[in-house]
């Protein structure tokens, strides 16, 4: 099947009638107060009516503490790498 992003339905547990989605699974988590970063990650996996599989990951964050500023460029590289690698794994 195909792999791609989808901006709709991140909060939905299953596909809506007529949207072509047979199954939809999603998960999101965010950082609590006191964490070095402030942000959220969300993941969605869909099986469409044509049996193609679509996967998406969305991450946004920002430093929440002065010490996090120094390592933030590395954090962003690692977040992008995870998104790329997990998408490739899902496509395999």
PDB file of N, CA and C in Angstrom:
ATOM      1  N   UNK A   1       0.799  -1.190   0.000  1.00  0.00           N
ATOM      2  CA  UNK A   1       0.000   0.000   0.000  1.00  0.00           C
ATOM      3  C   UNK A   1       0.837   1.247   0.000  1.00  0.00           C
ATOM      4  N   UNK A   2       0.184   2.383  -0.075  1.00  0.00           N
ATOM      5  CA  UNK A   2       0.893   3.654  -0.079  1.00  0.00           C
ATOM      6  C   UNK A   2       1.135   4.158   1.319  1.00  0.00           C
ATOM      7  N   UNK A   3       2.117   4.995   1.460  1.00  0.00           N
ATOM      8  CA  UNK A   3       2.408   5.627   2.739  1.00  0.00           C
ATOM      9  C   UNK A   3       2.376   7.119   2.517  1.00  0.00           C
ATOM     10  N   UNK A   4       1.701   7.840   3.392  1.00  0.00           N
ATOM     11  CA  UNK A   4       1.637   9.284   3.226  1.00  0.00           C
ATOM     12  C   UNK A   4       1.108   9.941   4.471  1.00  0.00           C
ATOM     13  N   UNK A   5       0.997  11.217   4.423  1.00  0.00           N
ATOM     14  CA  UNK A   5       0.489  11.971   5.555  1.00  0.00           C
ATOM     15  C   UNK A   5      -0.985  12.237   5.393  1.00  0.00           C
ATOM     16  N   UNK A   6      -1.623  12.534   6.491  1.00  0.00           N
ATOM     17  CA  UNK A   6      -3.040  12.850   6.469  1.00  0.00           C
ATOM     18  C   UNK A   6      -3.299  13.812   7.607  1.00  0.00           C
ATOM     19  N   UNK A   7      -3.815  14.988   7.299  1.00  0.00           N
ATOM     20  CA  UNK A   7      -4.047  15.975   8.338  1.00  0.00           C
ATOM     21  C   UNK A   7      -5.417  15.859   8.981  1.00  0.00           C
ATOM     22  N   UNK A   8      -6.331  15.077   8.387  1.00  0.00           N
ATOM     23  CA  UNK A   8      -7.654  14.967   8.983  1.00  0.00           C
ATOM     24  C   UNK A   8      -7.727  13.735   9.864  1.00  0.00           C
ATOM     25  N   UNK A   9      -8.596  13.785  10.860  1.00  0.00           N
ATOM     26  CA  UNK A   9      -8.890  12.596  11.638  1.00  0.00           C
ATOM     27  C   UNK A   9      -7.917  12.243  12.733  1.00  0.00           C
ATOM     28  N   UNK A  10      -7.032  13.128  13.134  1.00  0.00           N
ATOM     29  CA  UNK A  10      -6.081  12.772  14.179  1.00  0.00           C
ATOM     30  C   UNK A  10      -6.768  12.440  15.491  1.00  0.00           C
ATOM     31  N   UNK A  11      -7.937  13.024  15.730  1.00  0.00           N
ATOM     32  CA  UNK A  11      -8.635  12.748  16.982  1.00  0.00           C
ATOM     33  C   UNK A  11      -9.605  11.575  16.859  1.00  0.00           C
ATOM     34  N   UNK A  12      -9.834  11.104  15.652  1.00  0.00           N
ATOM     35  CA  UNK A  12     -10.814  10.040  15.442  1.00  0.00           C
ATOM     36  C   UNK A  12     -10.207   8.676  15.731  1.00  0.00           C
ATOM     37  N   UNK A  13     -10.988   7.799  16.310  1.00  0.00           N
ATOM     38  CA  UNK A  13     -10.528   6.445  16.578  1.00  0.00           C
ATOM     39  C   UNK A  13     -10.772   5.541  15.379  1.00  0.00           C
ATOM     40  N   UNK A  14     -11.786   5.797  14.610  1.00  0.00           N
ATOM     41  CA  UNK A  14     -12.107   5.008  13.424  1.00  0.00           C
ATOM     42  C   UNK A  14     -12.531   5.957  12.316  1.00  0.00           C
ATOM     43  N   UNK A  15     -12.499   5.443  11.096  1.00  0.00           N
ATOM     44  CA  UNK A  15     -12.874   6.263   9.955  1.00  0.00           C
ATOM     45  C   UNK A  15     -14.329   6.690  10.012  1.00  0.00           C
ATOM     46  N   UNK A  16     -14.600   7.825   9.412  1.00  0.00           N
ATOM     47  CA  UNK A  16     -15.969   8.313   9.312  1.00  0.00           C
ATOM     48  C   UNK A  16     -16.617   7.723   8.072  1.00  0.00           C
ATOM     49  N   UNK A  17     -17.921   7.510   8.088  1.00  0.00           N
ATOM     50  CA  UNK A  17     -18.585   6.981   6.893  1.00  0.00           C
ATOM     51  C   UNK A  17     -18.307   7.867   5.681  1.00  0.00           C
ATOM     52  N   UNK A  18     -17.914   7.252   4.577  1.00  0.00           N
ATOM     53  CA  UNK A  18     -17.689   7.980   3.346  1.00  0.00           C
ATOM     54  C   UNK A  18     -16.297   8.544   3.179  1.00  0.00           C
ATOM     55  N   UNK A  19     -15.401   8.399   4.177  1.00  0.00           N
ATOM     56  CA  UNK A  19     -14.061   8.961   4.008  1.00  0.00           C
ATOM     57  C   UNK A  19     -13.063   7.951   3.444  1.00  0.00           C
ATOM     58  N   UNK A  20     -13.514   6.740   3.141  1.00  0.00           N
ATOM     59  CA  UNK A  20     -12.642   5.740   2.530  1.00  0.00           C
ATOM     60  C   UNK A  20     -11.684   5.060   3.492  1.00  0.00           C
ATOM     61  N   UNK A  21     -11.868   5.244   4.787  1.00  0.00           N
ATOM     62  CA  UNK A  21     -10.986   4.650   5.786  1.00  0.00           C
ATOM     63  C   UNK A  21     -11.689   3.466   6.439  1.00  0.00           C
ATOM     64  N   UNK A  22     -11.052   2.282   6.348  1.00  0.00           N
ATOM     65  CA  UNK A  22     -11.608   1.093   6.995  1.00  0.00           C
ATOM     66  C   UNK A  22     -11.244   1.059   8.480  1.00  0.00           C
ATOM     67  N   UNK A  23      -9.989   1.336   8.782  1.00  0.00           N
ATOM     68  CA  UNK A  23      -9.498   1.319  10.161  1.00  0.00           C
ATOM     69  C   UNK A  23      -8.570   2.506  10.371  1.00  0.00           C
ATOM     70  N   UNK A  24      -8.664   3.131  11.532  1.00  0.00           N
ATOM     71  CA  UNK A  24      -7.778   4.250  11.869  1.00  0.00           C
ATOM     72  C   UNK A  24      -7.383   4.103  13.325  1.00  0.00           C
ATOM     73  N   UNK A  25      -6.085   4.167  13.570  1.00  0.00           N
ATOM     74  CA  UNK A  25      -5.548   4.097  14.924  1.00  0.00           C
ATOM     75  C   UNK A  25      -4.650   5.304  15.120  1.00  0.00           C
ATOM     76  N   UNK A  26      -4.795   5.967  16.257  1.00  0.00           N
ATOM     77  CA  UNK A  26      -3.968   7.139  16.507  1.00  0.00           C
ATOM     78  C   UNK A  26      -3.562   7.190  17.972  1.00  0.00           C
ATOM     79  N   UNK A  27      -2.489   7.912  18.198  1.00  0.00           N
ATOM     80  CA  UNK A  27      -1.925   8.055  19.537  1.00  0.00           C
ATOM     81  C   UNK A  27      -1.235   9.407  19.597  1.00  0.00           C
ATOM     82  N   UNK A  28      -1.346  10.095  20.707  1.00  0.00           N
ATOM     83  CA  UNK A  28      -0.648  11.365  20.897  1.00  0.00           C
ATOM     84  C   UNK A  28      -0.189  11.469  22.342  1.00  0.00           C
ATOM     85  N   UNK A  29       0.922  12.147  22.534  1.00  0.00           N
ATOM     86  CA  UNK A  29       1.384  12.422  23.894  1.00  0.00           C
ATOM     87  C   UNK A  29       2.087  13.766  23.917  1.00  0.00           C
ATOM     88  N   UNK A  30       2.089  14.380  25.075  1.00  0.00           N
ATOM     89  CA  UNK A  30       2.718  15.682  25.242  1.00  0.00           C
ATOM     90  C   UNK A  30       3.587  15.707  26.480  1.00  0.00           C
ATOM     91  N   UNK A  31       4.418  16.724  26.572  1.00  0.00           N
ATOM     92  CA  UNK A  31       5.313  16.894  27.709  1.00  0.00           C
ATOM     93  C   UNK A  31       4.571  17.567  28.860  1.00  0.00           C
ATOM     94  N   UNK A  32       4.863  17.134  30.046  1.00  0.00           N
ATOM     95  CA  UNK A  32       4.278  17.728  31.248  1.00  0.00           C
ATOM     96  C   UNK A  32       5.135  18.892  31.723  1.00  0.00           C
ATOM     97  N   UNK A  33       4.565  19.709  32.601  1.00  0.00           N
ATOM     98  CA  UNK A  33       5.319  20.808  33.186  1.00  0.00           C
ATOM     99  C   UNK A  33       6.578  20.312  33.876  1.00  0.00           C
ATOM    100  N   UNK A  34       7.634  21.082  33.777  1.00  0.00           N
ATOM    101  CA  UNK A  34       8.901  20.681  34.374  1.00  0.00           C
ATOM    102  C   UNK A  34       9.820  19.947  33.409  1.00  0.00           C
ATOM    103  N   UNK A  35       9.311  19.548  32.262  1.00  0.00           N
ATOM    104  CA  UNK A  35      10.118  18.877  31.247  1.00  0.00           C
ATOM    105  C   UNK A  35      10.964  19.925  30.531  1.00  0.00           C
ATOM    106  N   UNK A  36      12.104  19.525  29.985  1.00  0.00           N
ATOM    107  CA  UNK A  36      12.979  20.473  29.298  1.00  0.00           C
ATOM    108  C   UNK A  36      12.370  21.004  28.000  1.00  0.00           C
ATOM    109  N   UNK A  37      11.477  20.229  27.394  1.00  0.00           N
ATOM    110  CA  UNK A  37      10.802  20.652  26.170  1.00  0.00           C
ATOM    111  C   UNK A  37       9.312  20.801  26.414  1.00  0.00           C
ATOM    112  N   UNK A  38       8.693  21.643  25.635  1.00  0.00           N
ATOM    113  CA  UNK A  38       7.249  21.784  25.616  1.00  0.00           C
ATOM    114  C   UNK A  38       6.803  21.371  24.227  1.00  0.00           C
ATOM    115  N   UNK A  39       5.905  20.389  24.135  1.00  0.00           N
ATOM    116  CA  UNK A  39       5.475  19.961  22.807  1.00  0.00           C
ATOM    117  C   UNK A  39       4.618  18.724  22.837  1.00  0.00           C
ATOM    118  N   UNK A  40       4.395  18.177  21.634  1.00  0.00           N
ATOM    119  CA  UNK A  40       3.520  17.024  21.462  1.00  0.00           C
ATOM    120  C   UNK A  40       3.959  16.223  20.241  1.00  0.00           C
ATOM    121  N   UNK A  41       3.715  14.932  20.308  1.00  0.00           N
ATOM    122  CA  UNK A  41       3.897  14.049  19.156  1.00  0.00           C
ATOM    123  C   UNK A  41       2.594  13.298  18.941  1.00  0.00           C
ATOM    124  N   UNK A  42       2.212  13.125  17.685  1.00  0.00           N
ATOM    125  CA  UNK A  42       1.024  12.337  17.382  1.00  0.00           C
ATOM    126  C   UNK A  42       1.334  11.412  16.209  1.00  0.00           C
ATOM    127  N   UNK A  43       0.689  10.258  16.230  1.00  0.00           N
ATOM    128  CA  UNK A  43       0.907   9.216  15.232  1.00  0.00           C
ATOM    129  C   UNK A  43      -0.450   8.742  14.743  1.00  0.00           C
ATOM    130  N   UNK A  44      -0.561   8.441  13.472  1.00  0.00           N
ATOM    131  CA  UNK A  44      -1.807   7.919  12.923  1.00  0.00           C
ATOM    132  C   UNK A  44      -1.481   6.842  11.903  1.00  0.00           C
ATOM    133  N   UNK A  45      -2.245   5.778  11.928  1.00  0.00           N
ATOM    134  CA  UNK A  45      -2.112   4.680  10.983  1.00  0.00           C
ATOM    135  C   UNK A  45      -3.511   4.371  10.462  1.00  0.00           C
ATOM    136  N   UNK A  46      -3.654   4.366   9.133  1.00  0.00           N
ATOM    137  CA  UNK A  46      -4.955   4.110   8.521  1.00  0.00           C
ATOM    138  C   UNK A  46      -4.856   2.998   7.495  1.00  0.00           C
ATOM    139  N   UNK A  47      -5.906   2.205   7.423  1.00  0.00           N
ATOM    140  CA  UNK A  47      -6.083   1.259   6.312  1.00  0.00           C
ATOM    141  C   UNK A  47      -7.290   1.755   5.544  1.00  0.00           C
ATOM    142  N   UNK A  48      -7.048   2.086   4.292  1.00  0.00           N
ATOM    143  CA  UNK A  48      -8.090   2.666   3.450  1.00  0.00           C
ATOM    144  C   UNK A  48      -8.934   1.570   2.807  1.00  0.00           C
ATOM    145  N   UNK A  49     -10.033   1.967   2.197  1.00  0.00           N
ATOM    146  CA  UNK A  49     -10.951   1.016   1.577  1.00  0.00           C
ATOM    147  C   UNK A  49     -10.302   0.262   0.416  1.00  0.00           C
ATOM    148  N   UNK A  50      -9.236   0.829  -0.193  1.00  0.00           N
ATOM    149  CA  UNK A  50      -8.512   0.124  -1.258  1.00  0.00           C
ATOM    150  C   UNK A  50      -7.384  -0.738  -0.700  1.00  0.00           C
ATOM    151  N   UNK A  51      -7.352  -0.923   0.635  1.00  0.00           N
ATOM    152  CA  UNK A  51      -6.358  -1.685   1.389  1.00  0.00           C
ATOM    153  C   UNK A  51      -4.966  -1.056   1.385  1.00  0.00           C
ATOM    154  N   UNK A  52      -4.839   0.185   0.950  1.00  0.00           N
ATOM    155  CA  UNK A  52      -3.562   0.891   1.113  1.00  0.00           C
ATOM    156  C   UNK A  52      -3.435   1.303   2.574  1.00  0.00           C
ATOM    157  N   UNK A  53      -2.203   1.441   3.035  1.00  0.00           N
ATOM    158  CA  UNK A  53      -1.923   1.816   4.415  1.00  0.00           C
ATOM    159  C   UNK A  53      -1.255   3.180   4.411  1.00  0.00           C
ATOM    160  N   UNK A  54      -1.772   4.076   5.244  1.00  0.00           N
ATOM    161  CA  UNK A  54      -1.249   5.432   5.347  1.00  0.00           C
ATOM    162  C   UNK A  54      -0.779   5.655   6.773  1.00  0.00           C
ATOM    163  N   UNK A  55       0.383   6.265   6.900  1.00  0.00           N
ATOM    164  CA  UNK A  55       0.991   6.517   8.207  1.00  0.00           C
ATOM    165  C   UNK A  55       1.426   7.976   8.273  1.00  0.00           C
ATOM    166  N   UNK A  56       1.232   8.592   9.401  1.00  0.00           N
ATOM    167  CA  UNK A  56       1.698   9.963   9.583  1.00  0.00           C
ATOM    168  C   UNK A  56       2.186  10.178  10.996  1.00  0.00           C
ATOM    169  N   UNK A  57       3.196  10.996  11.123  1.00  0.00           N
ATOM    170  CA  UNK A  57       3.708  11.396  12.434  1.00  0.00           C
ATOM    171  C   UNK A  57       3.851  12.915  12.408  1.00  0.00           C
ATOM    172  N   UNK A  58       3.424  13.534  13.486  1.00  0.00           N
ATOM    173  CA  UNK A  58       3.490  14.990  13.596  1.00  0.00           C
ATOM    174  C   UNK A  58       4.129  15.321  14.940  1.00  0.00           C
ATOM    175  N   UNK A  59       5.141  16.169  14.903  1.00  0.00           N
ATOM    176  CA  UNK A  59       5.848  16.557  16.117  1.00  0.00           C
ATOM    177  C   UNK A  59       6.023  18.068  16.136  1.00  0.00           C
ATOM    178  N   UNK A  60       5.737  18.662  17.257  1.00  0.00           N
ATOM    179  CA  UNK A  60       6.110  20.064  17.438  1.00  0.00           C
ATOM    180  C   UNK A  60       6.617  20.229  18.857  1.00  0.00           C
ATOM    181  N   UNK A  61       7.646  21.035  18.985  1.00  0.00           N
ATOM    182  CA  UNK A  61       8.235  21.246  20.304  1.00  0.00           C
ATOM    183  C   UNK A  61       9.006  22.559  20.309  1.00  0.00           C
ATOM    184  N   UNK A  62       9.308  22.986  21.528  1.00  0.00           N
ATOM    185  CA  UNK A  62      10.157  24.153  21.722  1.00  0.00           C
ATOM    186  C   UNK A  62      10.817  24.006  23.086  1.00  0.00           C
ATOM    187  N   UNK A  63      11.966  24.620  23.260  1.00  0.00           N
ATOM    188  CA  UNK A  63      12.625  24.545  24.564  1.00  0.00           C
ATOM    189  C   UNK A  63      11.755  25.187  25.641  1.00  0.00           C
ATOM    190  N   UNK A  64      11.656  24.529  26.772  1.00  0.00           N
ATOM    191  CA  UNK A  64      10.876  25.066  27.891  1.00  0.00           C
ATOM    192  C   UNK A  64      11.782  25.457  29.056  1.00  0.00           C
ATOM    193  N   UNK A  65      13.075  25.309  28.863  1.00  0.00           N
ATOM    194  CA  UNK A  65      14.044  25.618  29.911  1.00  0.00           C
ATOM    195  C   UNK A  65      15.304  26.149  29.238  1.00  0.00           C
ATOM    196  N   UNK A  66      15.993  27.110  29.834  1.00  0.00           N
ATOM    197  CA  UNK A  66      17.199  27.653  29.203  1.00  0.00           C
ATOM    198  C   UNK A  66      18.253  26.596  28.858  1.00  0.00           C
ATOM    199  N   UNK A  67      18.369  25.561  29.662  1.00  0.00           N
ATOM    200  CA  UNK A  67      19.357  24.508  29.368  1.00  0.00           C
ATOM    201  C   UNK A  67      19.009  23.726  28.099  1.00  0.00           C
ATOM    202  N   UNK A  68      17.737  23.689  27.747  1.00  0.00           N
ATOM    203  CA  UNK A  68      17.314  22.952  26.551  1.00  0.00           C
ATOM    204  C   UNK A  68      17.706  23.671  25.269  1.00  0.00           C
ATOM    205  N   UNK A  69      17.967  24.961  25.335  1.00  0.00           N
ATOM    206  CA  UNK A  69      18.335  25.714  24.132  1.00  0.00           C
ATOM    207  C   UNK A  69      19.603  25.177  23.483  1.00  0.00           C
ATOM    208  N   UNK A  70      20.562  24.763  24.270  1.00  0.00           N
ATOM    209  CA  UNK A  70      21.839  24.289  23.729  1.00  0.00           C
ATOM    210  C   UNK A  70      21.692  23.011  22.915  1.00  0.00           C
ATOM    211  N   UNK A  71      20.824  22.125  23.349  1.00  0.00           N
ATOM    212  CA  UNK A  71      20.673  20.841  22.656  1.00  0.00           C
ATOM    213  C   UNK A  71      19.508  20.814  21.673  1.00  0.00           C
ATOM    214  N   UNK A  72      18.756  21.872  21.577  1.00  0.00           N
ATOM    215  CA  UNK A  72      17.547  21.862  20.754  1.00  0.00           C
ATOM    216  C   UNK A  72      17.814  21.544  19.280  1.00  0.00           C
ATOM    217  N   UNK A  73      18.860  22.067  18.656  1.00  0.00           N
ATOM    218  CA  UNK A  73      19.123  21.678  17.259  1.00  0.00           C
ATOM    219  C   UNK A  73      19.312  20.165  17.088  1.00  0.00           C
ATOM    220  N   UNK A  74      19.926  19.531  18.051  1.00  0.00           N
ATOM    221  CA  UNK A  74      20.111  18.071  17.989  1.00  0.00           C
ATOM    222  C   UNK A  74      18.767  17.369  18.160  1.00  0.00           C
ATOM    223  N   UNK A  75      17.941  17.858  19.067  1.00  0.00           N
ATOM    224  CA  UNK A  75      16.606  17.288  19.272  1.00  0.00           C
ATOM    225  C   UNK A  75      15.812  17.324  17.974  1.00  0.00           C
ATOM    226  N   UNK A  76      15.838  18.445  17.265  1.00  0.00           N
ATOM    227  CA  UNK A  76      15.089  18.569  16.004  1.00  0.00           C
ATOM    228  C   UNK A  76      15.592  17.585  14.952  1.00  0.00           C
ATOM    229  N   UNK A  77      16.896  17.406  14.867  1.00  0.00           N
ATOM    230  CA  UNK A  77      17.457  16.426  13.924  1.00  0.00           C
ATOM    231  C   UNK A  77      16.962  15.025  14.272  1.00  0.00           C
ATOM    232  N   UNK A  78      16.966  14.687  15.546  1.00  0.00           N
ATOM    233  CA  UNK A  78      16.516  13.354  15.970  1.00  0.00           C
ATOM    234  C   UNK A  78      15.021  13.173  15.729  1.00  0.00           C
ATOM    235  N   UNK A  79      14.223  14.210  15.921  1.00  0.00           N
ATOM    236  CA  UNK A  79      12.786  14.114  15.644  1.00  0.00           C
ATOM    237  C   UNK A  79      12.546  13.864  14.151  1.00  0.00           C
ATOM    238  N   UNK A  80      13.251  14.589  13.295  1.00  0.00           N
ATOM    239  CA  UNK A  80      13.096  14.387  11.844  1.00  0.00           C
ATOM    240  C   UNK A  80      13.550  12.996  11.434  1.00  0.00           C
ATOM    241  N   UNK A  81      14.656  12.538  12.015  1.00  0.00           N
ATOM    242  CA  UNK A  81      15.163  11.199  11.697  1.00  0.00           C
ATOM    243  C   UNK A  81      14.142  10.133  12.088  1.00  0.00           C
ATOM    244  N   UNK A  82      13.546  10.264  13.266  1.00  0.00           N
ATOM    245  CA  UNK A  82      12.535   9.292  13.680  1.00  0.00           C
ATOM    246  C   UNK A  82      11.361   9.275  12.709  1.00  0.00           C
ATOM    247  N   UNK A  83      10.872  10.455  12.333  1.00  0.00           N
ATOM    248  CA  UNK A  83       9.742  10.528  11.393  1.00  0.00           C
ATOM    249  C   UNK A  83      10.111   9.850  10.073  1.00  0.00           C
ATOM    250  N   UNK A  84      11.288  10.127   9.547  1.00  0.00           N
ATOM    251  CA  UNK A  84      11.738   9.523   8.286  1.00  0.00           C
ATOM    252  C   UNK A  84      11.870   8.003   8.428  1.00  0.00           C
ATOM    253  N   UNK A  85      12.562   7.554   9.463  1.00  0.00           N
ATOM    254  CA  UNK A  85      12.816   6.121   9.633  1.00  0.00           C
ATOM    255  C   UNK A  85      11.543   5.332   9.917  1.00  0.00           C
ATOM    256  N   UNK A  86      10.645   5.890  10.731  1.00  0.00           N
ATOM    257  CA  UNK A  86       9.409   5.168  11.026  1.00  0.00           C
ATOM    258  C   UNK A  86       8.511   5.103   9.793  1.00  0.00           C
ATOM    259  N   UNK A  87       8.528   6.134   8.956  1.00  0.00           N
ATOM    260  CA  UNK A  87       7.763   6.107   7.719  1.00  0.00           C
ATOM    261  C   UNK A  87       8.313   5.053   6.767  1.00  0.00           C
ATOM    262  N   UNK A  88       9.636   4.990   6.661  1.00  0.00           N
ATOM    263  CA  UNK A  88      10.253   3.960   5.800  1.00  0.00           C
ATOM    264  C   UNK A  88       9.934   2.560   6.292  1.00  0.00           C
ATOM    265  N   UNK A  89       9.965   2.362   7.590  1.00  0.00           N
ATOM    266  CA  UNK A  89       9.666   1.047   8.162  1.00  0.00           C
ATOM    267  C   UNK A  89       8.226   0.660   7.892  1.00  0.00           C
ATOM    268  N   UNK A  90       7.327   1.603   8.012  1.00  0.00           N
ATOM    269  CA  UNK A  90       5.909   1.330   7.742  1.00  0.00           C
ATOM    270  C   UNK A  90       5.685   0.985   6.284  1.00  0.00           C
ATOM    271  N   UNK A  91       6.454   1.594   5.395  1.00  0.00           N
ATOM    272  CA  UNK A  91       6.309   1.355   3.954  1.00  0.00           C
ATOM    273  C   UNK A  91       6.871   0.004   3.537  1.00  0.00           C
ATOM    274  N   UNK A  92       7.776  -0.534   4.330  1.00  0.00           N
ATOM    275  CA  UNK A  92       8.450  -1.790   3.947  1.00  0.00           C
ATOM    276  C   UNK A  92       7.518  -2.989   4.016  1.00  0.00           C
TER     277      UNK A  92
END
